[in-house]
Amino acid sequence: MIPKLAFGRTGHLSSRIIFGGTGVSTGTQDDADRVLDLLLEHGINHIDTAASYGESEVHIGPWMRRHRGDFFLATKTGDRTYAKAKESLQRSLDRLHTDHVDLIQLHYLVLPDEWEVAMGPGGALEALAEAREQGLTRFIGVTGHDLGVPGMHLRSLARFDFDSVLLPYNYPLMQNPQYAADFNRLQALCQERNTAVQTIKGVACGPWGDHEHTRDTWYAPLEDQAAVDKAVHYVLGRPGIFLNTAGDRFVLPRTLDAAERFVATPSDEEMQTLVASQHMEPLFVH
């Protein structure tokens, strides 16, 4: 079974693998139902989607009506003002067929000018805080990617006591000394505050470059099962963090299988061999 871990201060024991809702952003409802049924088979009890993930919320909603009590349900808003964020959350609730989400997150809050709007007077954070008071959400988080995101999350946590953060974590990225140092600082603060740390891009191989896009992810994912095993085990080998799955239906079962077989963290030598054999490259370089 995939291990579970307290999701920060929320009181929920979440599977350390969290389903990334981009995995059902396209296709039919039947396609989505088959993907979501996989979660039940593997004991996944936490779903993370977003208003901007295509038809993800629309596809999750009908299925969620039958399983709402079994899942910690999270979504995101990319809007920055009070009015737009309030409207976005209500639309998400309607699409998800629920009267509340467990977690609403400020999506990709990285750009300084957008940060000032969202976190300031009349900003999106005010709408999410109001929604929490009204019972429309239980918790509030913040997400982002790029090399600067750990620093921005630290800035966000200095302004508001978020319940969760989300950011990239994989072996190639953690070879960047500045990113690694910032990630470590962020996780230490989150541990002190009992703030949940979610990670993304765990099975990323690198940019597509000139290659044909054969998967639904915006980056090229690892596909070989042994390679996926190493990448997933590297993430799960770090205590206290969660891995959100990549948004591709081919990669998802491989990720779930890898997580069920997790025993130990791969050595640095094993990860270096993986990087060389799979020609892995960092997704973010500036």
Protein backbone atom coordinates (compact mmCIF):
# COMPACT_ATOMS: atom_id res chain seq x y z
CA MET A 1 0.00 0.00 0.00
CA ILE A 2 1.05 3.57 -0.62
CA PRO A 3 1.98 5.14 2.74
CA LYS A 4 -0.03 7.94 4.31
CA LEU A 5 1.16 11.04 6.11
CA ALA A 6 -0.51 13.81 8.08
CA PHE A 7 -1.26 16.61 5.61
CA GLY A 8 0.17 19.38 7.73
CA ARG A 9 -2.18 20.68 10.40
CA THR A 10 -5.36 19.68 8.56
CA GLY A 11 -5.94 16.50 10.55
CA HIS A 12 -6.15 14.47 7.32
CA LEU A 13 -3.93 11.45 6.70
CA SER A 14 -3.28 11.84 2.98
CA SER A 15 -1.69 9.28 0.70
CA ARG A 16 1.84 10.46 -0.04
CA ILE A 17 0.88 10.26 -3.69
CA ILE A 18 -1.70 12.94 -4.49
CA PHE A 19 -3.62 12.70 -7.75
CA GLY A 20 -2.90 15.64 -10.03
CA GLY A 21 -6.16 16.65 -11.68
CA THR A 22 -4.51 17.52 -15.00
CA GLY A 23 -4.70 13.77 -15.64
CA VAL A 24 -8.40 14.13 -16.48
CA SER A 25 -8.32 17.54 -18.16
CA THR A 26 -9.10 16.06 -21.59
CA GLY A 27 -11.04 13.12 -22.99
CA THR A 28 -14.51 11.87 -22.14
CA GLN A 29 -16.25 11.32 -18.82
CA ASP A 30 -15.78 7.56 -19.27
CA ASP A 31 -12.05 8.13 -19.78
CA ALA A 32 -11.93 10.20 -16.60
CA ASP A 33 -13.92 7.66 -14.61
CA ARG A 34 -11.47 4.91 -15.54
CA VAL A 35 -8.54 7.06 -14.43
CA LEU A 36 -10.23 8.05 -11.18
CA ASP A 37 -11.19 4.46 -10.42
CA LEU A 38 -7.45 3.69 -10.38
CA LEU A 39 -7.18 5.89 -7.30
CA LEU A 40 -9.52 3.60 -5.40
CA GLU A 41 -7.48 0.54 -6.40
CA HIS A 42 -4.28 2.08 -5.05
CA GLY A 43 -5.64 3.70 -1.90
CA ILE A 44 -5.21 7.31 -3.05
CA ASN A 45 -7.40 9.60 -0.93
CA HIS A 46 -6.36 13.10 -2.01
CA ILE A 47 -7.15 14.89 -5.29
CA ASP A 48 -5.59 18.17 -6.39
CA THR A 49 -7.04 20.02 -9.37
CA ALA A 50 -7.42 23.62 -10.54
CA ALA A 51 -9.89 25.89 -12.27
CA SER A 52 -7.48 26.21 -15.20
CA TYR A 53 -6.95 22.48 -15.80
CA GLY A 54 -9.15 22.20 -18.88
CA GLU A 55 -12.18 20.01 -18.16
CA SER A 56 -10.65 18.48 -15.02
CA GLU A 57 -13.18 19.85 -12.53
CA VAL A 58 -16.05 19.02 -14.91
CA HIS A 59 -14.86 15.40 -15.13
CA ILE A 60 -14.08 15.01 -11.44
CA GLY A 61 -17.46 16.39 -10.33
CA PRO A 62 -19.82 13.55 -11.36
CA TRP A 63 -17.39 10.93 -10.04
CA MET A 64 -16.82 12.91 -6.86
CA ARG A 65 -20.55 12.88 -6.08
CA ARG A 66 -20.18 9.15 -5.38
CA HIS A 67 -16.90 9.39 -3.49
CA ARG A 68 -16.80 12.82 -1.81
CA GLY A 69 -16.49 11.43 1.70
CA ASP A 70 -13.44 9.35 0.73
CA PHE A 71 -11.24 12.17 -0.55
CA PHE A 72 -9.47 15.30 0.56
CA LEU A 73 -10.40 17.59 -2.35
CA ALA A 74 -8.26 20.56 -3.38
CA THR A 75 -8.51 23.04 -6.21
CA LYS A 76 -6.86 26.34 -7.19
CA THR A 77 -7.68 29.78 -8.50
CA GLY A 78 -5.35 31.77 -10.72
CA ASP A 79 -7.33 34.97 -10.26
CA ARG A 80 -5.69 37.76 -8.29
CA THR A 81 -8.56 40.06 -7.24
CA TYR A 82 -11.22 39.52 -4.59
CA ALA A 83 -14.14 39.53 -7.02
CA LYS A 84 -12.56 37.24 -9.61
CA ALA A 85 -11.25 34.74 -7.02
CA LYS A 86 -14.64 34.58 -5.31
CA GLU A 87 -16.30 33.92 -8.65
CA SER A 88 -13.68 31.32 -9.54
CA LEU A 89 -14.18 29.35 -6.33
CA GLN A 90 -17.95 29.28 -6.72
CA ARG A 91 -17.58 28.03 -10.28
CA SER A 92 -15.20 25.32 -9.06
CA LEU A 93 -17.68 24.21 -6.39
CA ASP A 94 -20.42 23.97 -9.01
CA ARG A 95 -18.25 21.98 -11.39
CA LEU A 96 -17.04 19.67 -8.62
CA HIS A 97 -20.62 19.00 -7.40
CA THR A 98 -19.77 19.87 -3.81
CA ASP A 99 -20.64 22.56 -1.28
CA HIS A 100 -17.02 22.91 -0.12
CA VAL A 101 -13.46 21.98 -0.95
CA ASP A 102 -10.98 20.95 1.69
CA LEU A 103 -8.25 23.19 0.28
CA ILE A 104 -8.31 26.20 -2.04
CA GLN A 105 -4.93 27.42 -3.32
CA LEU A 106 -3.59 30.58 -4.91
CA HIS A 107 -2.29 29.14 -8.19
CA TYR A 108 1.22 29.97 -9.44
CA LEU A 109 1.78 32.92 -7.15
CA VAL A 110 5.33 33.73 -8.26
CA LEU A 111 5.38 37.01 -10.20
CA PRO A 112 6.00 39.94 -7.80
CA ASP A 113 3.38 42.27 -9.31
CA GLU A 114 0.68 39.56 -9.18
CA TRP A 115 1.76 38.70 -5.64
CA GLU A 116 1.18 42.29 -4.52
CA VAL A 117 -2.34 42.29 -5.97
CA ALA A 118 -3.37 38.86 -4.65
CA MET A 119 -1.96 39.43 -1.16
CA GLY A 120 -3.00 43.06 -0.84
CA PRO A 121 -6.27 44.89 -0.09
CA GLY A 122 -9.08 43.70 -2.36
CA GLY A 123 -6.93 40.76 -3.42
CA ALA A 124 -7.68 37.08 -3.95
CA LEU A 125 -6.46 36.13 -0.48
CA GLU A 126 -9.27 38.15 1.07
CA ALA A 127 -11.80 36.15 -0.95
CA LEU A 128 -10.28 32.82 0.14
CA ALA A 129 -10.17 33.88 3.79
CA GLU A 130 -13.83 34.89 3.56
CA ALA A 131 -14.65 31.56 1.91
CA ARG A 132 -13.02 29.75 4.82
CA GLU A 133 -15.17 31.71 7.28
CA GLN A 134 -18.26 30.75 5.25
CA GLY A 135 -17.37 27.04 5.19
CA LEU A 136 -16.72 26.95 1.44
CA THR A 137 -13.17 25.75 2.12
CA ARG A 138 -11.44 24.41 5.19
CA PHE A 139 -7.85 25.38 4.36
CA ILE A 140 -5.87 27.77 2.15
CA GLY A 141 -2.64 27.08 0.27
CA VAL A 142 -0.26 28.59 -2.27
CA THR A 143 1.45 27.02 -5.30
CA GLY A 144 4.10 27.83 -7.89
CA HIS A 145 7.02 26.66 -9.98
CA ASP A 146 10.23 28.11 -11.50
CA LEU A 147 13.53 28.49 -9.65
CA GLY A 148 12.30 31.42 -7.57
CA VAL A 149 9.28 29.72 -6.08
CA PRO A 150 10.79 28.59 -2.72
CA GLY A 151 11.75 32.19 -2.02
CA MET A 152 8.32 33.46 -3.02
CA HIS A 153 6.65 30.86 -0.81
CA LEU A 154 8.79 32.04 2.11
CA ARG A 155 7.61 35.58 1.37
CA SER A 156 3.99 34.39 1.22
CA LEU A 157 4.33 32.57 4.54
CA ALA A 158 5.71 35.73 6.10
CA ARG A 159 2.50 37.54 5.07
CA PHE A 160 -0.08 34.81 5.77
CA ASP A 161 -0.12 31.48 7.61
CA PHE A 162 -0.93 29.20 4.65
CA ASP A 163 -1.88 25.59 5.38
CA SER A 164 0.05 24.16 2.43
CA VAL A 165 2.61 24.98 -0.23
CA LEU A 166 3.27 23.29 -3.59
CA LEU A 167 6.46 23.46 -5.67
CA PRO A 168 8.77 21.36 -7.89
CA TYR A 169 11.12 18.72 -6.48
CA ASN A 170 13.22 16.19 -8.37
CA TYR A 171 16.83 15.06 -8.51
CA PRO A 172 18.11 17.27 -11.38
CA LEU A 173 16.47 20.35 -9.88
CA MET A 174 17.98 19.68 -6.46
CA GLN A 175 21.46 19.74 -8.00
CA ASN A 176 21.00 23.50 -8.32
CA PRO A 177 22.66 24.72 -5.08
CA GLN A 178 20.49 27.83 -4.69
CA TYR A 179 17.23 26.00 -5.32
CA ALA A 180 18.22 23.20 -2.94
CA ALA A 181 19.14 25.68 -0.20
CA ASP A 182 15.88 27.60 -0.64
CA PHE A 183 13.83 24.38 -0.71
CA ASN A 184 15.50 23.22 2.50
CA ARG A 185 14.78 26.56 4.18
CA LEU A 186 11.16 26.42 3.07
CA GLN A 187 10.62 22.87 4.26
CA ALA A 188 12.23 23.67 7.62
CA LEU A 189 9.80 26.56 8.13
CA CYS A 190 6.87 24.41 7.01
CA GLN A 191 7.89 21.70 9.46
CA GLU A 192 8.06 24.29 12.24
CA ARG A 193 4.58 25.58 11.36
CA ASN A 194 3.10 22.18 10.49
CA THR A 195 2.42 23.34 6.92
CA ALA A 196 1.97 20.63 4.29
CA VAL A 197 4.57 20.47 1.48
CA GLN A 198 3.39 19.14 -1.89
CA THR A 199 5.80 18.55 -4.74
CA ILE A 200 5.37 18.42 -8.51
CA LYS A 201 7.52 17.42 -11.52
CA GLY A 202 8.79 14.35 -9.66
CA VAL A 203 8.89 12.20 -12.83
CA ALA A 204 9.97 14.95 -15.24
CA CYS A 205 12.71 13.95 -17.67
CA GLY A 206 13.21 17.37 -19.23
CA PRO A 207 11.86 19.84 -21.79
CA TRP A 208 10.36 18.44 -24.99
CA GLY A 209 12.75 20.54 -27.02
CA ASP A 210 12.40 19.65 -30.69
CA HIS A 211 10.90 16.23 -29.94
CA GLU A 212 7.28 15.38 -30.74
CA HIS A 213 4.93 15.82 -27.78
CA THR A 214 3.72 12.27 -27.18
CA ARG A 215 2.26 12.81 -23.70
CA ASP A 216 -0.23 15.24 -22.15
CA THR A 217 2.39 16.89 -19.92
CA TRP A 218 4.02 20.16 -21.05
CA TYR A 219 7.39 18.53 -20.33
CA ALA A 220 8.75 15.11 -21.30
CA PRO A 221 8.06 12.62 -18.47
CA LEU A 222 10.03 9.51 -17.63
CA GLU A 223 8.24 6.48 -19.09
CA ASP A 224 10.38 3.40 -18.44
CA GLN A 225 9.07 1.73 -15.27
CA ALA A 226 12.51 1.29 -13.71
CA ALA A 227 13.24 4.97 -14.33
CA VAL A 228 9.89 6.04 -12.88
CA ASP A 229 10.62 3.84 -9.85
CA LYS A 230 13.88 5.65 -9.13
CA ALA A 231 12.35 9.11 -9.58
CA VAL A 232 9.33 8.36 -7.38
CA HIS A 233 11.44 6.67 -4.71
CA TYR A 234 13.77 9.68 -4.67
CA VAL A 235 10.83 11.95 -3.78
CA LEU A 236 9.27 9.55 -1.26
CA GLY A 237 12.69 9.09 0.31
CA ARG A 238 12.53 12.64 1.61
CA PRO A 239 10.49 12.64 4.83
CA GLY A 240 7.55 14.98 5.20
CA ILE A 241 6.66 15.72 1.57
CA PHE A 242 3.99 14.59 -0.88
CA LEU A 243 4.25 13.82 -4.60
CA ASN A 244 1.51 15.09 -6.91
CA THR A 245 1.17 12.91 -9.99
CA ALA A 246 1.95 14.06 -13.53
CA GLY A 247 -0.98 14.87 -15.80
CA ASP A 248 -0.70 11.92 -18.15
CA ARG A 249 -2.76 8.72 -18.11
CA PHE A 250 0.11 6.58 -19.37
CA VAL A 251 2.49 7.71 -16.62
CA LEU A 252 -0.07 7.59 -13.78
CA PRO A 253 -0.25 3.79 -13.27
CA ARG A 254 3.54 3.57 -13.43
CA THR A 255 3.79 6.23 -10.73
CA LEU A 256 1.26 4.44 -8.53
CA ASP A 257 3.01 1.09 -9.00
CA ALA A 258 6.36 2.66 -8.14
CA ALA A 259 4.96 4.21 -4.97
CA GLU A 260 3.55 0.89 -3.81
CA ARG A 261 7.01 -0.67 -4.10
CA PHE A 262 8.85 2.09 -2.25
CA VAL A 263 11.29 0.75 0.33
CA ALA A 264 14.36 2.98 0.38
CA THR A 265 15.82 6.15 -1.13
CA PRO A 266 18.02 5.52 -4.18
CA SER A 267 21.68 6.40 -3.67
CA ASP A 268 23.25 9.45 -5.25
CA GLU A 269 25.17 7.15 -7.58
CA GLU A 270 21.93 5.47 -8.68
CA MET A 271 20.33 8.83 -9.39
CA GLN A 272 23.35 10.04 -11.36
CA THR A 273 23.15 6.86 -13.44
CA LEU A 274 19.44 7.51 -14.02
CA VAL A 275 20.11 11.08 -15.16
CA ALA A 276 22.76 9.90 -17.61
CA SER A 277 20.78 6.95 -19.00
CA GLN A 278 17.56 8.94 -19.46
CA HIS A 279 19.28 12.16 -20.58
CA MET A 280 17.43 14.06 -17.86
CA GLU A 281 17.63 17.84 -17.81
CA PRO A 282 16.32 20.48 -15.37
CA LEU A 283 13.01 22.04 -16.43
CA PHE A 284 13.87 25.37 -14.84
CA VAL A 285 17.21 27.05 -15.43
CA HIS A 286 16.49 30.71 -14.55
